[in-house]
Amino acid sequence: MSTIPSPEAVCAALRVETLCAAAVRALTGEAALHYRGGRLCRQSLPLPLYAPHLRGNAYEENLAALRGAADGAAVRLLHSDPAMHRSMAPAHRVARLLFELFEQVRCEALSLPGMPGLARNVRDRFEGWLRAYNRSGLADDHLGILVYTVVQVVWSRVTGWPVLEDTEHLIEATRAAIVPTIGTHLADLRRHRFDQRAYATHACQLAQQVASMLDEARDALASDSEDKARDADDALTSFSLWADFEFDSEESSEAAPGGATTSQRGVPGTSPGYVAYTTQYDREVRAGTLVRPVLLREYRERLDERIAASRINIARVARVLQAALAVPERDGWSFGEEEGRIDGRRLAQLISSPGERRLFTRDRMRPRGDCVVGFLTDCSASVKAHIAPVAMLIDVLVRACEQAGVATEVLGYTTGAWNGGRARLDWLARGRPPHPGRLNEVCHMVFKRAEDTWRRARADLAAFFKADLFREGADGEAVEWACTRLAAHACARRILVVISDGSPMDAATAQTNGAAYLDNHLRDVLARRETLRDVEIIGLGLGRDPSLFYRYCAALDPAARLDMTEVARLAQWIGARR
């Protein structure tokens, strides 16, 4: 049903990323560097390192492979000027990917002197990427083998290392055909590897020349048949996607508006660049008040039937949660023990029965759930089709947490209307001023407070089934709101589980501020909360991988049947120490 990693896998992946980040910080001297989802980040922003072999997956790769990617990123930061590199990059997508690879090869050729281990790491990493590229089948056609050959020839010429022995026979014919054409550029790259500007000039020319060769080969295939042309386009698309980057999303993202109009309101606790056009229509409501009592009882009966049919052992889930979340607390003394402190009241028993060993007393410990867990559910229209298993999962986990002595909050977020509602009408009436910020009326719903028991809130939890609650959503504000509520509780641990099926979506806001406006705000909120360390935020994606936003996350298949195994595994994942 899900791709939830085990707690052991989560801890192991985090440990590997921490070690790799420490290596990069030691080499570069930058204290703000860390890894998030395989991407090297400075503070909260991912660095524009687009060479494909610099991306890693801590869940699938071993430490040696990831250390090679980390060392490659470190030498790139040390030997490359990003502003100069960006200014000289070609516009053609494939040419730019080649240009990125060529610059990374230059930096790896300049590995720190006296560090043979680092040079070996980056070489092993690049050779591993070459083998993976070949295994993926991208080198099986004419266009793929051309790119594959160029990359290997440039890497060999600039670094002085031989081409990959495993595929030398595969590229030999292509290498013999293209080296007379690109030989001059290869010699210039080797000669100018210590001068980034001169090197970039020749690297750009070579990348554009190879891109032209690819375009000519694609046109030749197109003249033969449409099927071959389509295959060629698929090959180039696959090659671009193999790098797994987005040039435009990070470099051309819109800057935050410089000033807010008189009607704009800064949202408390959010980033300075994020504003709401008006907060007049925002509201926080108890979810149960939005549904008629008779209908709410019907929804509760429907939810109870689903839970009963699933045959989930809530007591067992509670034991899993208690083991993961509870902390030991002293609860008096335990007498009649065979070791510990001597109990003075039993000394007479020692004299009368010299063989008696139960003369000691020890501290009696009991588990205490010094923790609060919040469930924040995305109530956008796309979640409506999956809300039945989500409501069932939340209800089961809330009951299990209560049995384990752990407090819970259940929250939801949506908008008060479609397409901006009254906030957009106000904006239109004022002449559509530019950069209005969040242009909708948000609605934050409380299904269960931490102070309430499950029995008291069980009816309100069924309000998830009310269809017209589901509209759009501003995830960043909702996460900030939920974190603020959890942070008010004096507990050792505060955990927020965000259940969503993708990116924030509000049509009116996206149309007036840019598609990335809400996405960037969500990233800012998550980065700031991670810095504060007051709330552990984890993302549970419904049918989608939420790792684009959440550092600790898992994906859940809402179409599959929710059974005891998956609920117990999810409970263990929520409680895992990170």
Protein backbone atom coordinates (compact mmCIF):
# COMPACT_ATOMS: atom_id res chain seq x y z
CA MET A 1 0.00 0.00 0.00
CA SER A 2 2.79 2.43 0.77
CA THR A 3 6.45 3.17 0.31
CA ILE A 4 6.97 4.14 3.93
CA PRO A 5 10.60 3.54 4.91
CA SER A 6 11.23 1.68 8.12
CA PRO A 7 12.48 3.69 11.11
CA GLU A 8 15.84 1.94 10.75
CA ALA A 9 16.05 3.02 7.11
CA VAL A 10 15.13 6.61 8.00
CA CYS A 11 17.82 6.77 10.69
CA ALA A 12 20.42 5.16 8.45
CA ALA A 13 19.66 7.55 5.58
CA LEU A 14 19.84 10.55 7.88
CA ARG A 15 23.15 9.34 9.32
CA VAL A 16 24.63 8.94 5.83
CA GLU A 17 23.45 12.40 4.73
CA THR A 18 24.85 13.90 7.93
CA LEU A 19 28.26 12.31 7.32
CA CYS A 20 28.34 13.48 3.69
CA ALA A 21 27.33 17.00 4.68
CA ALA A 22 30.08 17.05 7.32
CA ALA A 23 32.63 16.06 4.67
CA VAL A 24 31.48 18.87 2.34
CA ARG A 25 31.59 21.43 5.17
CA ALA A 26 35.10 20.32 6.14
CA LEU A 27 36.37 20.68 2.56
CA THR A 28 34.67 23.98 1.77
CA GLY A 29 34.60 25.68 5.17
CA GLU A 30 30.90 26.58 4.74
CA ALA A 31 28.98 25.84 7.93
CA ALA A 32 25.51 26.31 6.38
CA LEU A 33 25.70 23.33 3.98
CA HIS A 34 23.53 20.27 4.51
CA TYR A 35 21.79 17.57 2.48
CA ARG A 36 18.05 17.40 1.94
CA GLY A 37 16.57 14.63 -0.19
CA GLY A 38 19.85 14.02 -1.99
CA ARG A 39 20.34 17.70 -2.83
CA LEU A 40 23.08 19.82 -1.28
CA CYS A 41 21.52 22.93 0.28
CA ARG A 42 22.91 26.14 1.70
CA GLN A 43 20.63 27.02 4.61
CA SER A 44 17.17 26.38 3.10
CA LEU A 45 17.94 26.69 -0.64
CA PRO A 46 19.25 23.88 -2.86
CA LEU A 47 22.47 24.73 -4.65
CA PRO A 48 22.40 24.80 -8.48
CA LEU A 49 24.59 21.74 -8.98
CA TYR A 50 23.00 20.16 -12.05
CA ALA A 51 25.62 17.57 -12.98
CA PRO A 52 23.59 14.32 -12.87
CA HIS A 53 26.09 12.25 -10.91
CA LEU A 54 26.00 14.70 -7.98
CA ARG A 55 22.47 13.60 -7.02
CA GLY A 56 22.22 10.71 -4.59
CA ASN A 57 19.64 8.62 -2.78
CA ALA A 58 20.54 7.75 0.80
CA TYR A 59 17.91 4.98 0.84
CA GLU A 60 19.33 3.15 -2.19
CA GLU A 61 23.05 3.91 -2.33
CA ASN A 62 25.86 3.05 0.05
CA LEU A 63 28.06 5.49 1.90
CA ALA A 64 30.99 5.14 -0.53
CA ALA A 65 28.86 6.14 -3.52
CA LEU A 66 27.27 9.07 -1.69
CA ARG A 67 30.65 10.21 -0.41
CA GLY A 68 31.81 10.42 -4.03
CA ALA A 69 28.85 12.68 -4.86
CA ALA A 70 29.60 14.80 -1.79
CA ASP A 71 33.27 15.17 -2.72
CA GLY A 72 32.25 16.10 -6.28
CA ALA A 73 29.96 18.81 -4.93
CA ALA A 74 32.72 20.09 -2.65
CA VAL A 75 35.27 20.50 -5.44
CA ARG A 76 32.61 22.21 -7.56
CA LEU A 77 32.02 24.79 -4.82
CA LEU A 78 35.75 25.30 -4.39
CA HIS A 79 36.81 25.63 -8.03
CA SER A 80 33.80 27.12 -9.84
CA ASP A 81 32.39 30.65 -9.85
CA PRO A 82 28.62 30.10 -10.16
CA ALA A 83 27.87 33.62 -11.45
CA MET A 84 30.45 33.33 -14.23
CA HIS A 85 29.28 29.84 -15.08
CA ARG A 86 25.65 30.92 -15.27
CA SER A 87 26.45 33.93 -17.44
CA MET A 88 28.29 31.81 -20.04
CA ALA A 89 25.86 28.87 -20.15
CA PRO A 90 24.10 28.17 -23.49
CA ALA A 91 20.32 28.37 -23.76
CA HIS A 92 19.77 25.07 -25.61
CA ARG A 93 18.65 22.50 -23.01
CA VAL A 94 20.85 19.60 -24.10
CA ALA A 95 23.78 21.95 -24.75
CA ARG A 96 23.40 23.33 -21.27
CA LEU A 97 23.34 19.89 -19.71
CA LEU A 98 26.59 19.08 -21.51
CA PHE A 99 28.01 22.43 -20.40
CA GLU A 100 27.15 21.54 -16.77
CA LEU A 101 28.89 18.19 -17.12
CA PHE A 102 31.96 19.77 -18.72
CA GLU A 103 32.32 22.28 -15.85
CA GLN A 104 31.94 19.52 -13.28
CA VAL A 105 34.62 17.48 -15.07
CA ARG A 106 36.95 20.49 -14.90
CA CYS A 107 36.44 20.86 -11.17
CA GLU A 108 36.99 17.15 -10.56
CA ALA A 109 40.24 17.35 -12.55
CA LEU A 110 41.40 19.97 -10.04
CA SER A 111 40.85 17.77 -6.98
CA LEU A 112 42.69 19.00 -3.94
CA PRO A 113 46.39 18.09 -4.02
CA GLY A 114 47.51 15.59 -1.45
CA MET A 115 44.05 14.00 -1.28
CA PRO A 116 44.22 10.83 -3.39
CA GLY A 117 41.19 9.45 -1.57
CA LEU A 118 39.05 12.38 -2.72
CA ALA A 119 40.20 11.94 -6.31
CA ARG A 120 39.39 8.24 -6.12
CA ASN A 121 35.94 8.98 -4.69
CA VAL A 122 34.93 11.39 -7.47
CA ARG A 123 36.32 9.06 -10.12
CA ASP A 124 34.43 6.07 -8.75
CA ARG A 125 31.24 8.16 -8.58
CA PHE A 126 31.50 9.30 -12.20
CA GLU A 127 32.30 5.81 -13.43
CA GLY A 128 29.31 4.49 -11.48
CA TRP A 129 27.09 7.05 -13.21
CA LEU A 130 28.47 6.02 -16.60
CA ARG A 131 27.60 2.39 -15.89
CA ALA A 132 24.11 3.33 -14.73
CA TYR A 133 23.58 5.44 -17.86
CA ASN A 134 24.52 2.48 -20.02
CA ARG A 135 22.31 0.06 -18.05
CA SER A 136 19.34 2.40 -18.42
CA GLY A 137 19.37 1.82 -22.19
CA LEU A 138 19.98 5.46 -23.12
CA ALA A 139 23.16 4.50 -24.97
CA ASP A 140 21.40 1.96 -27.19
CA ASP A 141 20.41 4.32 -30.03
CA HIS A 142 22.37 6.65 -32.28
CA LEU A 143 21.72 9.83 -30.32
CA GLY A 144 22.33 8.25 -26.94
CA ILE A 145 25.65 6.73 -27.89
CA LEU A 146 26.79 10.06 -29.35
CA VAL A 147 26.16 11.88 -26.06
CA TYR A 148 27.64 9.00 -24.07
CA THR A 149 30.80 9.05 -26.15
CA VAL A 150 31.27 12.81 -25.96
CA VAL A 151 30.91 12.78 -22.18
CA GLN A 152 33.47 10.01 -21.77
CA VAL A 153 35.97 11.53 -24.21
CA VAL A 154 35.81 14.95 -22.52
CA TRP A 155 36.11 13.37 -19.07
CA SER A 156 39.12 11.30 -20.14
CA ARG A 157 40.89 14.17 -21.89
CA VAL A 158 40.41 16.76 -19.12
CA THR A 159 41.09 14.54 -16.10
CA GLY A 160 43.71 12.30 -17.68
CA TRP A 161 41.87 9.14 -16.63
CA PRO A 162 41.16 6.44 -19.21
CA VAL A 163 37.65 5.95 -20.56
CA LEU A 164 35.51 3.38 -18.79
CA GLU A 165 36.91 -0.03 -19.65
CA ASP A 166 33.48 -1.70 -19.43
CA THR A 167 32.11 0.29 -22.36
CA GLU A 168 35.26 1.09 -24.34
CA HIS A 169 34.27 -1.29 -27.12
CA LEU A 170 30.82 0.30 -27.25
CA ILE A 171 32.05 3.84 -27.89
CA GLU A 172 35.12 3.04 -30.04
CA ALA A 173 33.48 3.52 -33.45
CA THR A 174 31.68 6.72 -32.43
CA ARG A 175 34.83 8.10 -30.83
CA ALA A 176 36.83 7.52 -33.99
CA ALA A 177 34.16 9.32 -36.00
CA ILE A 178 33.78 12.46 -33.86
CA VAL A 179 37.28 13.10 -32.49
CA PRO A 180 38.55 14.65 -35.77
CA THR A 181 35.62 17.09 -35.57
CA ILE A 182 35.86 18.06 -31.91
CA GLY A 183 39.58 17.39 -31.37
CA THR A 184 40.50 21.08 -31.26
CA HIS A 185 37.96 21.80 -28.55
CA LEU A 186 39.18 18.81 -26.54
CA ALA A 187 42.75 20.10 -26.63
CA ASP A 188 41.58 23.58 -25.57
CA LEU A 189 39.62 22.16 -22.65
CA ARG A 190 42.67 20.32 -21.39
CA ARG A 191 44.87 23.38 -21.84
CA HIS A 192 42.56 25.84 -20.06
CA ARG A 193 41.28 23.67 -17.20
CA PHE A 194 42.86 26.06 -14.65
CA ASP A 195 41.11 29.11 -16.15
CA GLN A 196 37.33 28.88 -15.75
CA ARG A 197 36.46 31.68 -18.20
CA ALA A 198 38.65 30.40 -21.01
CA TYR A 199 37.55 26.84 -20.34
CA ALA A 200 33.88 27.86 -20.36
CA THR A 201 34.27 29.52 -23.75
CA HIS A 202 35.46 26.30 -25.36
CA ALA A 203 33.08 24.15 -23.30
CA CYS A 204 30.14 26.25 -24.53
CA GLN A 205 31.28 25.96 -28.14
CA LEU A 206 31.72 22.20 -27.82
CA ALA A 207 28.34 21.78 -26.14
CA GLN A 208 26.61 23.77 -28.86
CA GLN A 209 28.44 21.82 -31.57
CA VAL A 210 27.34 18.49 -30.08
CA ALA A 211 23.78 19.81 -29.69
CA SER A 212 23.82 20.77 -33.40
CA MET A 213 25.03 17.29 -34.29
CA LEU A 214 22.16 15.84 -32.29
CA ASP A 215 19.64 18.13 -33.99
CA GLU A 216 20.96 17.15 -37.43
CA ALA A 217 20.74 13.46 -36.54
CA ARG A 218 17.18 13.95 -35.30
CA ASP A 219 16.22 15.80 -38.49
CA ALA A 220 17.71 12.99 -40.56
CA LEU A 221 15.62 10.46 -38.68
CA ALA A 222 12.56 12.66 -39.08
CA SER A 223 12.96 12.60 -42.84
CA ASP A 224 12.85 8.79 -42.77
CA SER A 225 9.68 8.36 -40.70
CA GLU A 226 7.65 9.98 -37.97
CA ASP A 227 8.21 7.00 -35.68
CA LYS A 228 11.99 7.44 -35.81
CA ALA A 229 11.60 11.16 -35.18
CA ARG A 230 9.43 10.42 -32.18
CA ASP A 231 12.00 7.93 -30.88
CA ALA A 232 14.71 10.56 -31.28
CA ASP A 233 12.69 13.12 -29.34
CA ASP A 234 12.05 10.54 -26.62
CA ALA A 235 15.76 9.80 -26.41
CA LEU A 236 16.68 13.46 -26.00
CA THR A 237 13.91 13.97 -23.46
CA SER A 238 15.10 10.95 -21.50
CA PHE A 239 18.65 12.25 -21.59
CA SER A 240 17.53 15.61 -20.20
CA LEU A 241 15.42 14.00 -17.51
CA TRP A 242 18.30 11.70 -16.56
CA ALA A 243 19.96 14.71 -14.99
CA ASP A 244 16.83 15.34 -12.90
CA PHE A 245 17.11 19.11 -12.84
CA GLU A 246 14.97 22.13 -13.48
CA PHE A 247 16.95 25.17 -14.65
CA ASP A 248 14.07 27.60 -14.66
CA SER A 249 12.46 26.74 -11.33
CA GLU A 250 15.34 28.00 -9.19
CA GLU A 251 17.05 30.64 -11.31
CA SER A 252 14.03 32.43 -12.74
CA SER A 253 11.68 32.18 -9.78
CA GLU A 254 9.97 35.46 -9.24
CA ALA A 255 11.30 37.71 -6.57
CA ALA A 256 9.02 38.60 -3.76
CA PRO A 257 7.18 41.85 -4.24
CA GLY A 258 9.02 44.74 -2.73
CA GLY A 259 6.21 46.51 -1.00
CA ALA A 260 2.71 45.72 0.15
CA THR A 261 -0.23 47.92 -0.65
CA THR A 262 -2.37 49.35 2.08
CA SER A 263 -4.80 46.47 1.73
CA GLN A 264 -2.10 43.81 1.97
CA ARG A 265 -1.42 42.19 5.33
CA GLY A 266 1.70 40.37 6.37
CA VAL A 267 0.87 36.91 7.69
CA PRO A 268 2.27 36.46 11.22
CA GLY A 269 5.20 34.07 11.40
CA THR A 270 5.74 33.85 7.65
CA SER A 271 8.58 35.01 5.41
CA PRO A 272 8.85 38.76 4.74
CA GLY A 273 8.15 38.36 1.02
CA TYR A 274 4.85 36.58 1.57
CA VAL A 275 1.72 38.64 2.09
CA ALA A 276 -2.01 38.17 2.05
CA TYR A 277 -4.00 40.72 0.10
CA THR A 278 -6.51 40.74 2.93
CA THR A 279 -7.06 38.66 6.04
CA GLN A 280 -10.53 40.06 6.61
CA TYR A 281 -12.26 36.91 5.44
CA ASP A 282 -9.90 34.33 6.97
CA ARG A 283 -11.42 32.12 9.63
CA GLU A 284 -10.65 29.32 12.05
CA VAL A 285 -13.62 27.09 12.77
CA ARG A 286 -14.53 23.88 14.53
CA ALA A 287 -15.16 21.37 11.77
CA GLY A 288 -18.19 19.83 13.44
CA THR A 289 -20.09 23.13 13.25
CA LEU A 290 -19.94 23.04 9.44
CA VAL A 291 -22.09 19.90 9.23
CA ARG A 292 -25.72 19.41 10.31
CA PRO A 293 -25.91 17.11 13.39
CA VAL A 294 -28.04 14.49 11.62
CA LEU A 295 -25.64 14.31 8.68
CA LEU A 296 -22.66 14.22 11.03
CA ARG A 297 -24.09 11.13 12.75
CA GLU A 298 -24.48 9.43 9.38
CA TYR A 299 -20.87 10.21 8.51
CA ARG A 300 -19.73 8.81 11.86
CA GLU A 301 -21.62 5.57 11.27
CA ARG A 302 -20.02 5.25 7.86
CA LEU A 303 -16.55 5.76 9.35
CA ASP A 304 -17.20 3.21 12.12
CA GLU A 305 -18.29 0.63 9.55
CA ARG A 306 -15.08 1.09 7.58
CA ILE A 307 -12.92 0.73 10.65
CA ALA A 308 -14.77 -2.37 11.81
CA ALA A 309 -14.39 -3.97 8.36
CA SER A 310 -10.64 -3.33 8.35
CA ARG A 311 -10.14 -5.45 11.52
CA ILE A 312 -7.33 -3.22 12.76
CA ASN A 313 -6.14 -4.03 16.28
CA ILE A 314 -5.98 -0.58 17.85
CA ALA A 315 -4.45 -1.88 21.08
CA ARG A 316 -1.53 -3.30 19.11
CA VAL A 317 -1.05 0.00 17.27
CA ALA A 318 -1.10 1.73 20.66
CA ARG A 319 1.71 -0.52 21.91
CA VAL A 320 3.78 0.36 18.83
CA LEU A 321 3.21 4.06 19.41
CA GLN A 322 3.95 3.77 23.12
CA ALA A 323 7.27 2.06 22.41
CA ALA A 324 8.21 4.75 19.90
CA LEU A 325 6.89 7.88 21.64
CA ALA A 326 6.77 7.24 25.38
CA VAL A 327 9.62 8.14 27.74
CA PRO A 328 10.32 6.39 31.06
CA GLU A 329 9.18 8.20 34.20
CA ARG A 330 9.83 7.32 37.84
CA ASP A 331 6.70 6.10 39.64
CA GLY A 332 7.67 5.27 43.21
CA TRP A 333 9.57 2.20 44.45
CA SER A 334 9.46 -1.48 43.64
CA PHE A 335 10.13 -3.65 46.71
CA GLY A 336 11.18 -7.28 47.06
CA GLU A 337 13.78 -7.11 44.28
CA GLU A 338 16.87 -9.34 44.04
CA GLU A 339 19.18 -6.40 43.30
CA GLY A 340 19.23 -2.64 43.80
CA ARG A 341 19.36 -0.74 47.10
CA ILE A 342 19.14 -2.61 50.42
CA ASP A 343 15.73 -2.26 52.03
CA GLY A 344 16.38 -1.59 55.74
CA ARG A 345 12.99 -2.95 56.71
CA ARG A 346 14.01 -6.43 55.50
CA LEU A 347 17.28 -6.79 57.45
CA ALA A 348 15.52 -8.94 60.09
CA GLN A 349 14.41 -11.26 57.28
CA LEU A 350 18.05 -11.62 56.25
CA ILE A 351 18.92 -12.87 59.73
CA SER A 352 16.00 -15.27 59.96
CA SER A 353 16.40 -16.53 56.39
CA PRO A 354 20.03 -16.20 55.28
CA GLY A 355 19.19 -17.60 51.84
CA GLU A 356 16.60 -14.95 51.04
CA ARG A 357 17.70 -12.70 48.20
CA ARG A 358 14.65 -10.44 47.78
CA LEU A 359 15.94 -7.77 50.13
CA PHE A 360 16.37 -4.87 47.75
CA THR A 361 14.31 -2.00 46.37
CA ARG A 362 14.51 -0.27 42.98
CA ASP A 363 12.95 2.70 41.21
CA ARG A 364 9.70 1.76 39.50
CA MET A 365 9.48 3.21 36.02
CA ARG A 366 6.44 3.59 33.83
CA PRO A 367 6.17 4.90 30.26
CA ARG A 368 4.79 8.40 29.87
CA GLY A 369 3.67 9.86 26.57
CA ASP A 370 5.41 13.23 26.86
CA CYS A 371 4.52 14.02 23.27
CA VAL A 372 1.83 15.66 21.15
CA VAL A 373 1.11 14.55 17.58
CA GLY A 374 -0.75 16.76 15.15
CA PHE A 375 -2.38 15.59 11.93
CA LEU A 376 -2.78 18.37 9.35
CA THR A 377 -4.88 17.31 6.38
CA ASP A 378 -5.00 19.00 3.00
CA CYS A 379 -8.70 19.54 2.25
CA SER A 380 -8.26 20.57 -1.39
CA ALA A 381 -10.54 19.23 -4.14
CA SER A 382 -8.00 16.64 -5.32
CA VAL A 383 -8.00 14.98 -1.87
CA LYS A 384 -11.77 14.57 -1.79
CA ALA A 385 -11.67 11.26 -3.70
CA HIS A 386 -9.26 9.78 -1.12
CA ILE A 387 -10.72 11.18 2.08
CA ALA A 388 -12.37 7.94 3.26
CA PRO A 389 -9.10 6.02 3.89
CA VAL A 390 -7.50 9.21 5.23
CA ALA A 391 -10.28 9.76 7.77
CA MET A 392 -10.12 6.11 8.75
CA LEU A 393 -6.33 6.26 9.23
CA ILE A 394 -6.51 9.44 11.31
CA ASP A 395 -9.30 8.06 13.52
CA VAL A 396 -7.39 4.84 14.19
CA LEU A 397 -4.13 6.66 14.99
CA VAL A 398 -5.89 9.16 17.27
CA ARG A 399 -7.47 6.33 19.27
CA ALA A 400 -4.17 4.46 19.44
CA CYS A 401 -2.30 7.58 20.58
CA GLU A 402 -4.85 8.15 23.32
CA GLN A 403 -4.39 4.59 24.58
CA ALA A 404 -0.62 5.18 24.51
CA GLY A 405 -0.98 8.35 26.59
CA VAL A 406 -0.06 10.68 23.71
CA ALA A 407 -2.05 13.85 23.05
CA THR A 408 -3.27 14.49 19.49
CA GLU A 409 -4.64 17.33 17.41
CA VAL A 410 -6.47 16.89 14.11
CA LEU A 411 -6.51 19.92 11.84
CA GLY A 412 -7.46 20.66 8.26
CA TYR A 413 -7.07 23.51 5.80
CA THR A 414 -8.94 24.70 2.75
CA THR A 415 -10.22 27.99 1.32
CA GLY A 416 -13.50 29.71 1.97
CA ALA A 417 -14.32 29.94 -1.73
CA TRP A 418 -13.14 29.00 -5.21
CA ASN A 419 -10.97 31.31 -7.35
CA GLY A 420 -10.25 33.88 -4.67
CA GLY A 421 -13.72 34.50 -3.31
CA ARG A 422 -14.34 37.84 -1.62
CA ALA A 423 -10.61 38.63 -1.41
CA ARG A 424 -10.33 38.57 -5.20
CA LEU A 425 -13.46 40.67 -5.59
CA ASP A 426 -11.91 43.33 -3.35
CA TRP A 427 -8.74 43.19 -5.44
CA LEU A 428 -10.72 43.65 -8.65
CA ALA A 429 -12.67 46.56 -7.14
CA ARG A 430 -9.38 48.34 -6.32
CA GLY A 431 -8.12 48.16 -9.89
CA ARG A 432 -6.04 44.97 -9.75
CA PRO A 433 -2.87 46.27 -8.08
CA PRO A 434 0.20 44.16 -9.00
CA HIS A 435 1.64 41.48 -6.75
CA PRO A 436 -1.36 41.17 -4.44
CA GLY A 437 0.05 38.18 -2.57
CA ARG A 438 -2.23 35.41 -1.34
CA LEU A 439 -5.52 36.20 -3.03
CA ASN A 440 -8.09 34.03 -1.31
CA GLU A 441 -9.83 33.55 2.02
CA VAL A 442 -8.27 30.72 4.00
CA CYS A 443 -10.24 28.41 6.24
CA HIS A 444 -8.45 26.51 9.01
CA MET A 445 -10.53 23.74 10.59
CA VAL A 446 -10.09 22.12 14.00
CA PHE A 447 -11.41 18.55 14.03
CA LYS A 448 -9.92 17.71 17.43
CA ARG A 449 -8.04 19.76 19.99
CA ALA A 450 -5.19 18.30 22.02
CA GLU A 451 -7.23 18.81 25.20
CA ASP A 452 -10.17 16.77 23.90
CA THR A 453 -10.49 13.02 24.20
CA TRP A 454 -11.28 10.88 21.16
CA ARG A 455 -14.74 10.13 22.53
CA ARG A 456 -15.55 13.81 22.79
CA ALA A 457 -14.23 14.58 19.28
CA ARG A 458 -15.35 11.38 17.50
CA ALA A 459 -18.33 13.10 15.85
CA ASP A 460 -16.25 16.03 14.59
CA LEU A 461 -13.71 13.65 13.05
CA ALA A 462 -16.44 12.40 10.72
CA ALA A 463 -16.77 15.90 9.23
CA PHE A 464 -14.04 14.90 6.77
CA PHE A 465 -16.81 13.30 4.71
CA LYS A 466 -18.54 16.62 3.96
CA ALA A 467 -17.79 17.10 0.26
CA ASP A 468 -18.14 20.87 -0.03
CA LEU A 469 -15.30 21.50 2.46
CA PHE A 470 -12.77 20.63 -0.23
CA ARG A 471 -11.68 23.58 -2.35
CA GLU A 472 -8.11 24.93 -2.59
CA GLY A 473 -5.30 25.38 -0.12
CA ALA A 474 -2.35 27.53 0.99
CA ASP A 475 -0.10 24.91 2.56
CA GLY A 476 2.54 27.25 3.98
CA GLU A 477 0.13 29.21 6.16
CA ALA A 478 -1.55 26.00 7.30
CA VAL A 479 1.76 24.42 8.34
CA GLU A 480 2.73 27.60 10.21
CA TRP A 481 -0.65 27.66 11.96
CA ALA A 482 -0.43 24.00 12.97
CA CYS A 483 3.15 24.37 14.22
CA THR A 484 2.19 27.39 16.31
CA ARG A 485 -0.60 25.39 17.95
CA LEU A 486 1.69 22.44 18.70
CA ALA A 487 4.52 24.63 19.98
CA ALA A 488 2.19 25.97 22.67
CA HIS A 489 2.19 22.55 24.37
CA ALA A 490 4.92 21.91 26.94
CA CYS A 491 5.98 18.47 25.71
CA ALA A 492 9.33 16.86 25.05
CA ARG A 493 8.35 16.04 21.45
CA ARG A 494 5.95 17.71 19.05
CA ILE A 495 5.27 15.94 15.77
CA LEU A 496 3.24 17.30 12.86
CA VAL A 497 2.11 14.86 10.16
CA VAL A 498 1.08 16.77 7.02
CA ILE A 499 -1.19 14.68 4.80
CA SER A 500 -1.33 16.06 1.28
CA ASP A 501 -1.45 14.93 -2.33
CA GLY A 502 0.95 17.44 -3.82
CA SER A 503 1.86 21.10 -4.08
CA PRO A 504 -0.13 24.05 -2.71
CA MET A 505 -2.81 25.20 -5.13
CA ASP A 506 -4.83 28.39 -5.26
CA ALA A 507 -5.74 29.47 -8.78
CA ALA A 508 -6.26 33.17 -8.03
CA THR A 509 -2.95 33.48 -6.17
CA ALA A 510 -1.00 31.54 -8.82
CA GLN A 511 -2.40 33.63 -11.68
CA THR A 512 -1.48 36.94 -10.08
CA ASN A 513 1.83 36.10 -8.34
CA GLY A 514 3.33 33.26 -10.34
CA ALA A 515 2.95 29.51 -10.13
CA ALA A 516 5.81 29.13 -7.61
CA TYR A 517 4.56 31.72 -5.09
CA LEU A 518 2.83 29.31 -2.71
CA ASP A 519 5.44 26.59 -3.28
CA ASN A 520 8.27 28.91 -2.28
CA HIS A 521 6.38 30.04 0.80
CA LEU A 522 5.86 26.45 1.91
CA ARG A 523 9.58 25.78 1.51
CA ASP A 524 10.39 28.91 3.54
CA VAL A 525 8.07 27.85 6.36
CA LEU A 526 9.46 24.32 6.48
CA ALA A 527 13.06 25.58 6.43
CA ARG A 528 12.40 28.04 9.26
CA ARG A 529 10.63 25.47 11.39
CA GLU A 530 13.46 23.03 10.82
CA THR A 531 15.86 25.68 12.06
CA LEU A 532 13.73 26.33 15.17
CA ARG A 533 13.54 22.57 15.88
CA ASP A 534 10.42 23.06 18.00
CA VAL A 535 8.21 20.81 15.86
CA GLU A 536 9.15 17.71 13.87
CA ILE A 537 7.38 18.01 10.50
CA ILE A 538 6.90 14.93 8.34
CA GLY A 539 4.99 14.66 5.08
CA LEU A 540 2.67 11.83 4.09
CA GLY A 541 1.90 12.00 0.37
CA LEU A 542 -1.33 10.58 -1.03
CA GLY A 543 -0.24 8.80 -4.18
CA ARG A 544 2.68 11.21 -4.66
CA ASP A 545 6.18 11.59 -3.33
CA PRO A 546 6.27 14.71 -1.10
CA SER A 547 10.08 14.85 -0.92
CA LEU A 548 10.05 18.00 -3.08
CA PHE A 549 9.02 19.87 0.08
CA TYR A 550 9.45 17.61 3.13
CA ARG A 551 12.77 16.27 4.31
CA TYR A 552 11.18 13.35 6.20
CA CYS A 553 8.38 11.91 4.14
CA ALA A 554 6.67 8.84 2.75
CA ALA A 555 4.07 8.08 0.11
CA LEU A 556 0.78 6.29 0.71
CA ASP A 557 -1.35 4.59 -1.93
CA PRO A 558 -4.92 5.66 -1.09
CA ALA A 559 -6.41 3.14 -3.53
CA ALA A 560 -5.01 0.13 -1.64
CA ARG A 561 -6.71 -1.46 1.33
CA LEU A 562 -5.63 -0.16 4.72
CA ASP A 563 -4.65 -3.13 6.88
CA MET A 564 -3.08 -3.78 10.25
CA THR A 565 0.45 -4.20 8.89
CA GLU A 566 0.50 -0.84 7.17
CA VAL A 567 -1.06 1.03 10.08
CA ALA A 568 1.48 -0.44 12.51
CA ARG A 569 4.32 0.39 10.16
CA LEU A 570 3.03 3.93 9.73
CA ALA A 571 2.74 4.32 13.51
CA GLN A 572 6.34 3.17 13.92
CA TRP A 573 7.48 5.59 11.20
CA ILE A 574 5.73 8.53 12.86
CA GLY A 575 7.37 7.81 16.19
CA ALA A 576 10.87 7.16 14.81
CA ARG A 577 13.58 9.30 16.42
CA ARG A 578 15.08 11.56 13.77
